[in-house]
Amino acid sequence: MVQFYLDAERLPAFVAHLMAQKTVIAPHAKGQKSFTFETVAEPDQVVLDYPRVMQSIRKFFLPPKEELLTFDLTENSYETTEVEPIDAIFLGVHSYDVAAVGRLDYNFSVGSPEKNYLTRRQGAVFVGVSFVPDSYHFSGSVNIRPEDPTGCDIFLTKLFEGYVLEVHTPTGEELIKGFDMPAHDAGRPATGHFQQHIYVPQTRLSEIMEQSYDNDVWAETAEQCVGCGTCNLVCPTCYCFNVDEAVDVTVTKGHRERHWDGCMLRKFSEVAGGEVFRESLAGRQRHRIFRKFKYISDTTGQPWCVGCGRCTAACPAHISIVGIVNRLISDHAQAVVAPI
C-alpha cells in the first residue's frame, strides 16, 4: 500500500485532476447543516469534512423512482427502458456507505441478478474519506471503523491540515498518475471514539433476536412511532420498492415504474383485497430491526446495518436503533441469569 500526503490547499487541484478523467460525484453543503452527494462542477465546492449526507450514494445505483418499461396496448408490445452505467468517481465517501454498497451488491446479485442496479454499478470508483464519529454514529459496533478503506480504490484519512492518501487498487494508481504529492510513511492516525455502541457482536445478536420476538420493546417503541417510514428512506441498505403501471390519457400507451417503498409503511404489507398482514407498528418495528440484524445476517454472518445513524438522526420521534438493540441485549441477559 502506497501513501502520500495531500495538503488541504491542494484539494481543489486534486478534484480537478480527477474530473479530467471521469465524472466526479462528491459531498456538497446543502443549506447550513446538511450535505448531499452531487456531480461536481466546481472543485472548491467539494466538502470532505462532514458528519453524514442526507441520502447515501445508494440513490445513484437505485434511484428513488425509475421507469422500467413502456408499453403500447393497441399493439400489445413493450420496450424496456435502457439503463447506463454510472461510470463515475465517488469522492469523499464514508466507510459505512461504501460498506452499504457492498451489502446492496449482495442483495442484487444473489438469486436472480437485478440488471438495472448492476448496470449502474459498472465503472464506479470509490475514494473514501475518514470521519469523526458524532453522537449518532455507531459503525464501530458493526466492525466498520472511520478509517476503514475496505472497498475503496483510494482512501483519505484526515491528518493536520491535509490528508494521508492511500492507494489500494490498480484503478487508484491510475487515478493519481500525473498528480504530484510527497510520500508519507508515518502511517495514518485514528479518527476518534464512538459515543454510541451496540454491546455484543453479530454472532450473539442472532441468538438474542431469536429469543426477542415477543419482547415488550416492540410495543413500547410503537407508542412513540408515527409510521412515517423516514428510517427506511434514509437507510443506505434498504432496497425495497413498489412497482406501478400508468396509462396516458388516450388509454393506449403507458409505462411501468418502480419507486422506493418501506416496511414501516402500512401499505407496504397490503395485498389484494385490502388485507394488511403487518398491521401494527410494533410488528413493523420488529421486522425492520430483524431485517438489519437477523434475517439476512443468518445467511451472511454480517449485520445489514452499517451504523451510519441516519435512521435515529432523522426520526421525528427520536427512536434510537441502538437503544432498541441494547434493550434486547439487556433483557436477554437478565432472562438468562434470572432464577428459576
Protein backbone atom coordinates (compact mmCIF):
# COMPACT_ATOMS: atom_id res chain seq x y z
CA MET A 1 0.00 0.00 0.00
CA VAL A 2 1.44 3.35 -1.10
CA GLN A 3 0.86 6.50 0.97
CA PHE A 4 1.12 10.18 0.10
CA TYR A 5 0.29 13.44 1.87
CA LEU A 6 -2.37 15.66 0.28
CA ASP A 7 -2.37 19.18 1.68
CA ALA A 8 -5.84 20.68 2.13
CA GLU A 9 -4.89 23.67 -0.01
CA ARG A 10 -4.29 21.30 -2.92
CA LEU A 11 -7.62 19.52 -2.57
CA PRO A 12 -9.36 21.55 -5.33
CA ALA A 13 -6.45 20.77 -7.64
CA PHE A 14 -6.78 17.07 -6.80
CA VAL A 15 -10.52 17.20 -7.52
CA ALA A 16 -9.81 18.90 -10.85
CA HIS A 17 -7.28 16.17 -11.64
CA LEU A 18 -9.96 13.52 -11.05
CA MET A 19 -12.53 15.50 -13.07
CA ALA A 20 -10.20 15.39 -16.06
CA GLN A 21 -10.56 11.60 -16.04
CA LYS A 22 -14.18 10.92 -15.11
CA THR A 23 -17.33 12.48 -13.77
CA VAL A 24 -16.79 13.16 -10.06
CA ILE A 25 -19.64 12.90 -7.54
CA ALA A 26 -18.84 14.29 -4.09
CA PRO A 27 -20.40 15.83 -0.95
CA HIS A 28 -21.68 19.42 -1.16
CA ALA A 29 -23.16 21.66 1.51
CA LYS A 30 -26.96 21.86 1.36
CA GLY A 31 -28.14 24.75 3.48
CA GLN A 32 -26.45 25.42 6.80
CA LYS A 33 -26.22 21.93 8.30
CA SER A 34 -26.98 19.36 5.61
CA PHE A 35 -24.84 17.69 2.96
CA THR A 36 -25.63 15.82 -0.24
CA PHE A 37 -23.74 13.95 -2.95
CA GLU A 38 -23.86 15.83 -6.25
CA THR A 39 -21.95 15.89 -9.53
CA VAL A 40 -19.00 18.25 -9.12
CA ALA A 41 -19.00 21.37 -11.29
CA GLU A 42 -16.62 23.50 -9.19
CA PRO A 43 -13.77 21.71 -7.36
CA ASP A 44 -13.75 24.20 -4.49
CA GLN A 45 -17.39 23.33 -3.65
CA VAL A 46 -16.46 19.81 -2.52
CA VAL A 47 -16.78 19.23 1.25
CA LEU A 48 -14.85 16.34 2.79
CA ASP A 49 -15.30 17.24 6.47
CA TYR A 50 -18.95 16.39 7.14
CA PRO A 51 -20.88 14.17 9.62
CA ARG A 52 -23.11 12.35 7.09
CA VAL A 53 -25.02 13.08 3.89
CA MET A 54 -28.81 13.07 3.92
CA GLN A 55 -29.00 10.24 1.36
CA SER A 56 -26.20 7.77 0.77
CA ILE A 57 -24.81 7.04 -2.69
CA ARG A 58 -27.44 4.29 -2.91
CA LYS A 59 -29.62 6.81 -4.76
CA PHE A 60 -27.31 6.72 -7.80
CA PHE A 61 -27.48 2.95 -8.23
CA LEU A 62 -31.07 2.50 -7.04
CA PRO A 63 -32.91 5.76 -7.89
CA PRO A 64 -35.94 6.79 -5.79
CA LYS A 65 -38.07 6.44 -8.93
CA GLU A 66 -37.20 4.88 -12.29
CA GLU A 67 -39.03 3.83 -15.42
CA LEU A 68 -38.69 0.12 -16.17
CA LEU A 69 -40.51 -0.12 -19.50
CA THR A 70 -43.06 1.49 -21.78
CA PHE A 71 -45.96 -0.36 -23.42
CA ASP A 72 -48.44 0.05 -26.25
CA LEU A 73 -51.84 -1.51 -25.60
CA THR A 74 -53.01 -1.20 -29.20
CA GLU A 75 -50.02 -3.18 -30.48
CA ASN A 76 -49.72 -5.38 -27.38
CA SER A 77 -46.00 -4.56 -27.23
CA TYR A 78 -43.46 -3.18 -24.78
CA GLU A 79 -39.96 -1.76 -24.78
CA THR A 80 -37.52 -1.97 -21.87
CA THR A 81 -36.05 1.36 -20.76
CA GLU A 82 -32.29 1.41 -21.25
CA VAL A 83 -30.03 1.95 -18.24
CA GLU A 84 -26.49 3.35 -18.47
CA PRO A 85 -23.51 2.66 -16.17
CA ILE A 86 -22.79 5.47 -13.72
CA ASP A 87 -19.04 5.23 -14.58
CA ALA A 88 -18.03 7.95 -12.11
CA ILE A 89 -15.64 8.64 -9.25
CA PHE A 90 -17.43 8.83 -5.91
CA LEU A 91 -15.18 11.09 -3.87
CA GLY A 92 -15.40 11.56 -0.10
CA VAL A 93 -17.50 8.52 0.78
CA HIS A 94 -17.53 7.39 4.42
CA SER A 95 -16.56 3.80 5.16
CA TYR A 96 -20.07 2.80 6.26
CA ASP A 97 -21.59 4.00 2.99
CA VAL A 98 -19.04 2.03 0.97
CA ALA A 99 -19.91 -0.99 3.12
CA ALA A 100 -23.61 -0.36 2.42
CA VAL A 101 -22.96 -0.55 -1.33
CA GLY A 102 -21.34 -3.92 -0.72
CA ARG A 103 -24.49 -5.10 1.06
CA LEU A 104 -26.64 -3.92 -1.88
CA ASP A 105 -24.30 -5.67 -4.32
CA TYR A 106 -25.11 -8.89 -2.49
CA ASN A 107 -28.86 -8.26 -2.47
CA PHE A 108 -29.00 -7.57 -6.20
CA SER A 109 -26.55 -10.31 -7.25
CA VAL A 110 -27.72 -13.45 -5.43
CA GLY A 111 -30.65 -15.41 -6.80
CA SER A 112 -31.90 -13.59 -9.89
CA PRO A 113 -29.43 -10.75 -10.60
CA GLU A 114 -31.10 -7.34 -10.92
CA LYS A 115 -29.95 -5.85 -14.23
CA ASN A 116 -30.64 -2.15 -13.65
CA TYR A 117 -28.71 -1.91 -10.38
CA LEU A 118 -25.78 -3.99 -11.61
CA THR A 119 -25.56 -2.00 -14.84
CA ARG A 120 -25.41 1.30 -12.96
CA ARG A 121 -22.67 -0.07 -10.69
CA GLN A 122 -20.32 -0.59 -13.64
CA GLY A 123 -17.36 1.79 -13.69
CA ALA A 124 -17.98 3.18 -10.19
CA VAL A 125 -14.76 4.15 -8.40
CA PHE A 126 -14.64 4.94 -4.68
CA VAL A 127 -12.38 7.46 -2.98
CA GLY A 128 -13.18 7.13 0.71
CA VAL A 129 -12.55 9.64 3.48
CA SER A 130 -12.33 9.23 7.25
CA PHE A 131 -14.84 10.84 9.60
CA VAL A 132 -15.05 11.87 13.23
CA PRO A 133 -17.93 9.96 14.90
CA ASP A 134 -20.74 12.12 16.23
CA SER A 135 -23.49 11.23 18.72
CA TYR A 136 -25.35 9.10 16.15
CA HIS A 137 -22.58 7.05 14.53
CA PHE A 138 -22.06 3.50 15.79
CA SER A 139 -20.41 1.80 12.82
CA GLY A 140 -17.59 0.61 15.07
CA SER A 141 -20.11 -1.76 16.66
CA VAL A 142 -20.60 -3.46 13.29
CA ASN A 143 -16.87 -3.65 12.54
CA ILE A 144 -16.64 -0.57 10.32
CA ARG A 145 -14.05 1.90 11.56
CA PRO A 146 -13.96 5.57 10.43
CA GLU A 147 -10.64 4.92 8.67
CA ASP A 148 -11.62 1.54 7.14
CA PRO A 149 -10.60 1.52 3.44
CA THR A 150 -12.43 -1.70 2.53
CA GLY A 151 -13.99 -1.40 -0.92
CA CYS A 152 -12.16 1.82 -1.80
CA ASP A 153 -9.68 2.41 -4.61
CA ILE A 154 -8.19 5.37 -2.72
CA PHE A 155 -8.70 6.36 0.89
CA LEU A 156 -8.11 9.74 2.56
CA THR A 157 -7.51 9.97 6.31
CA LYS A 158 -7.57 13.41 7.90
CA LEU A 159 -4.18 14.48 9.32
CA PHE A 160 -3.39 18.03 10.44
CA GLU A 161 -4.26 20.43 7.58
CA GLY A 162 -4.50 17.71 4.97
CA TYR A 163 -4.98 14.02 4.32
CA VAL A 164 -2.97 10.83 4.24
CA LEU A 165 -3.79 9.43 0.79
CA GLU A 166 -3.58 5.65 0.44
CA VAL A 167 -3.76 3.81 -2.87
CA HIS A 168 -5.44 0.41 -2.59
CA THR A 169 -6.09 -0.80 -6.14
CA PRO A 170 -4.58 -0.55 -9.63
CA THR A 171 -7.52 1.70 -10.51
CA GLY A 172 -6.42 4.03 -7.71
CA GLU A 173 -2.87 4.04 -9.04
CA GLU A 174 -4.13 5.15 -12.44
CA LEU A 175 -6.22 7.93 -10.89
CA ILE A 176 -3.27 9.67 -9.20
CA LYS A 177 -0.86 9.40 -12.12
CA GLY A 178 0.42 12.84 -13.04
CA PHE A 179 -0.59 14.44 -9.73
CA ASP A 180 2.50 15.22 -7.68
CA MET A 181 2.33 14.58 -3.93
CA PRO A 182 5.02 13.98 -1.30
CA ALA A 183 5.35 10.43 0.02
CA HIS A 184 4.07 9.73 3.53
CA ASP A 185 5.48 6.88 5.61
CA ALA A 186 4.33 7.72 9.15
CA GLY A 187 1.13 5.68 8.98
CA ARG A 188 -2.34 7.12 9.48
CA PRO A 189 -4.00 8.28 12.68
CA ALA A 190 -7.13 7.02 14.39
CA THR A 191 -10.01 9.44 13.93
CA GLY A 192 -11.89 9.50 17.21
CA HIS A 193 -14.04 7.43 19.53
CA PHE A 194 -17.65 6.37 19.15
CA GLN A 195 -20.24 7.71 21.56
CA GLN A 196 -22.80 5.03 20.62
CA HIS A 197 -22.22 1.30 20.99
CA ILE A 198 -24.04 -1.98 20.48
CA TYR A 199 -22.64 -4.17 23.21
CA VAL A 200 -22.48 -7.61 21.62
CA PRO A 201 -21.18 -8.80 18.21
CA GLN A 202 -23.38 -10.07 15.39
CA THR A 203 -22.61 -13.68 16.30
CA ARG A 204 -24.51 -13.14 19.56
CA LEU A 205 -27.21 -10.90 18.15
CA SER A 206 -28.75 -13.65 16.04
CA GLU A 207 -29.39 -15.74 19.15
CA ILE A 208 -30.68 -12.73 21.09
CA MET A 209 -33.07 -11.79 18.27
CA GLU A 210 -34.32 -15.36 18.18
CA GLN A 211 -35.41 -15.01 21.81
CA SER A 212 -36.80 -11.48 21.44
CA TYR A 213 -39.75 -11.89 19.10
CA ASP A 214 -42.26 -11.09 21.84
CA ASN A 215 -40.16 -8.53 23.72
CA ASP A 216 -42.09 -5.59 25.19
CA VAL A 217 -39.78 -3.14 23.44
CA TRP A 218 -41.70 -3.51 20.18
CA ALA A 219 -44.97 -2.26 21.66
CA GLU A 220 -43.20 0.41 23.71
CA THR A 221 -41.40 1.73 20.63
CA ALA A 222 -44.65 1.66 18.66
CA GLU A 223 -46.16 4.09 21.16
CA GLN A 224 -43.59 6.66 20.02
CA CYS A 225 -43.51 5.76 16.32
CA VAL A 226 -45.63 7.74 13.85
CA GLY A 227 -45.19 5.27 10.99
CA CYS A 228 -43.73 7.84 8.60
CA GLY A 229 -41.13 5.49 7.06
CA THR A 230 -38.31 8.05 7.23
CA CYS A 231 -35.98 5.40 8.69
CA ASN A 232 -36.45 3.27 5.56
CA LEU A 233 -35.93 6.15 3.16
CA VAL A 234 -32.61 7.27 4.64
CA CYS A 235 -31.18 3.80 5.34
CA PRO A 236 -28.31 3.02 2.94
CA THR A 237 -29.04 -0.74 2.95
CA CYS A 238 -32.83 -0.64 2.48
CA TYR A 239 -33.75 -1.68 -1.05
CA CYS A 240 -37.49 -2.49 -1.04
CA PHE A 241 -39.58 -0.98 -3.81
CA ASN A 242 -43.08 -0.97 -5.25
CA VAL A 243 -43.99 -1.25 -8.93
CA ASP A 244 -46.78 0.79 -10.55
CA GLU A 245 -48.18 0.99 -14.05
CA ALA A 246 -49.84 4.04 -15.56
CA VAL A 247 -51.54 4.70 -18.90
CA ASP A 248 -51.78 8.01 -20.71
CA VAL A 249 -55.00 9.94 -21.32
CA THR A 250 -55.71 8.00 -24.54
CA VAL A 251 -55.61 4.71 -22.59
CA THR A 252 -53.47 3.25 -25.37
CA LYS A 253 -49.91 3.72 -24.08
CA GLY A 254 -48.25 3.76 -20.70
CA HIS A 255 -45.24 2.91 -18.61
CA ARG A 256 -44.17 0.77 -15.68
CA GLU A 257 -42.05 2.33 -12.95
CA ARG A 258 -40.66 1.36 -9.59
CA HIS A 259 -40.11 3.56 -6.57
CA TRP A 260 -38.72 3.19 -3.09
CA ASP A 261 -41.02 1.65 -0.52
CA GLY A 262 -40.51 0.78 3.13
CA CYS A 263 -41.59 -1.84 5.66
CA MET A 264 -42.57 0.84 8.21
CA LEU A 265 -45.40 2.00 5.94
CA ARG A 266 -48.81 0.38 6.40
CA LYS A 267 -49.47 -0.13 2.68
CA PHE A 268 -46.16 -1.96 2.27
CA SER A 269 -47.74 -5.18 3.51
CA GLU A 270 -51.16 -4.65 1.92
CA VAL A 271 -52.19 -7.37 -0.52
CA ALA A 272 -55.09 -7.92 -2.91
CA GLY A 273 -58.43 -7.47 -1.20
CA GLY A 274 -57.10 -4.87 1.21
CA GLU A 275 -55.65 -7.30 3.76
CA VAL A 276 -52.67 -5.84 5.66
CA PHE A 277 -50.61 -8.64 7.16
CA ARG A 278 -48.34 -6.37 9.23
CA GLU A 279 -50.96 -4.00 10.60
CA SER A 280 -49.34 -2.99 13.90
CA LEU A 281 -46.48 -0.53 14.25
CA ALA A 282 -44.94 -2.93 16.78
CA GLY A 283 -44.79 -5.66 14.15
CA ARG A 284 -43.29 -3.28 11.62
CA GLN A 285 -40.60 -2.11 14.06
CA ARG A 286 -39.68 -5.71 14.84
CA HIS A 287 -39.50 -6.56 11.15
CA ARG A 288 -37.22 -3.56 10.46
CA ILE A 289 -34.77 -4.49 13.22
CA PHE A 290 -34.79 -8.18 12.30
CA ARG A 291 -34.01 -7.24 8.69
CA LYS A 292 -30.90 -5.43 9.90
CA PHE A 293 -29.63 -7.94 12.46
CA LYS A 294 -31.17 -11.36 11.82
CA TYR A 295 -32.91 -12.40 8.61
CA ILE A 296 -30.14 -11.72 6.07
CA SER A 297 -27.44 -11.89 8.73
CA ASP A 298 -28.29 -15.52 9.49
CA THR A 299 -27.14 -16.30 5.92
CA THR A 300 -24.20 -13.93 5.53
CA GLY A 301 -22.91 -13.60 9.10
CA GLN A 302 -22.87 -9.81 8.67
CA PRO A 303 -25.22 -7.23 10.15
CA TRP A 304 -27.24 -5.47 7.46
CA CYS A 305 -26.98 -2.25 9.46
CA VAL A 306 -23.78 -0.28 8.82
CA GLY A 307 -24.04 2.04 11.84
CA CYS A 308 -24.42 5.34 9.98
CA GLY A 309 -27.02 6.59 12.50
CA ARG A 310 -29.24 8.15 9.82
CA CYS A 311 -32.43 6.46 10.98
CA THR A 312 -32.03 7.81 14.50
CA ALA A 313 -30.87 11.25 13.39
CA ALA A 314 -33.84 11.63 11.01
CA CYS A 315 -36.55 10.09 13.19
CA PRO A 316 -39.17 12.71 14.21
CA ALA A 317 -39.99 10.60 17.28
CA HIS A 318 -36.30 10.26 18.32
CA ILE A 319 -36.40 6.46 18.20
CA SER A 320 -32.89 5.03 18.51
CA ILE A 321 -31.99 1.79 16.75
CA VAL A 322 -29.04 1.42 19.15
CA GLY A 323 -31.40 1.87 22.09
CA ILE A 324 -33.72 -0.86 20.79
CA VAL A 325 -30.94 -3.38 20.17
CA ASN A 326 -29.25 -2.71 23.51
CA ARG A 327 -32.61 -3.13 25.26
CA LEU A 328 -32.95 -6.56 23.63
CA ILE A 329 -29.44 -7.43 24.77
CA SER A 330 -30.13 -6.29 28.32
CA ASP A 331 -33.47 -8.14 28.58
CA HIS A 332 -31.91 -11.31 27.19
CA ALA A 333 -29.06 -11.14 29.71
CA GLN A 334 -31.49 -10.69 32.59
CA ALA A 335 -33.61 -13.62 31.40
CA VAL A 336 -30.54 -15.86 31.26
CA VAL A 337 -29.45 -15.11 34.84
CA ALA A 338 -32.94 -14.91 36.35
CA PRO A 339 -33.54 -17.60 38.99
CA ILE A 340 -35.99 -20.35 38.16
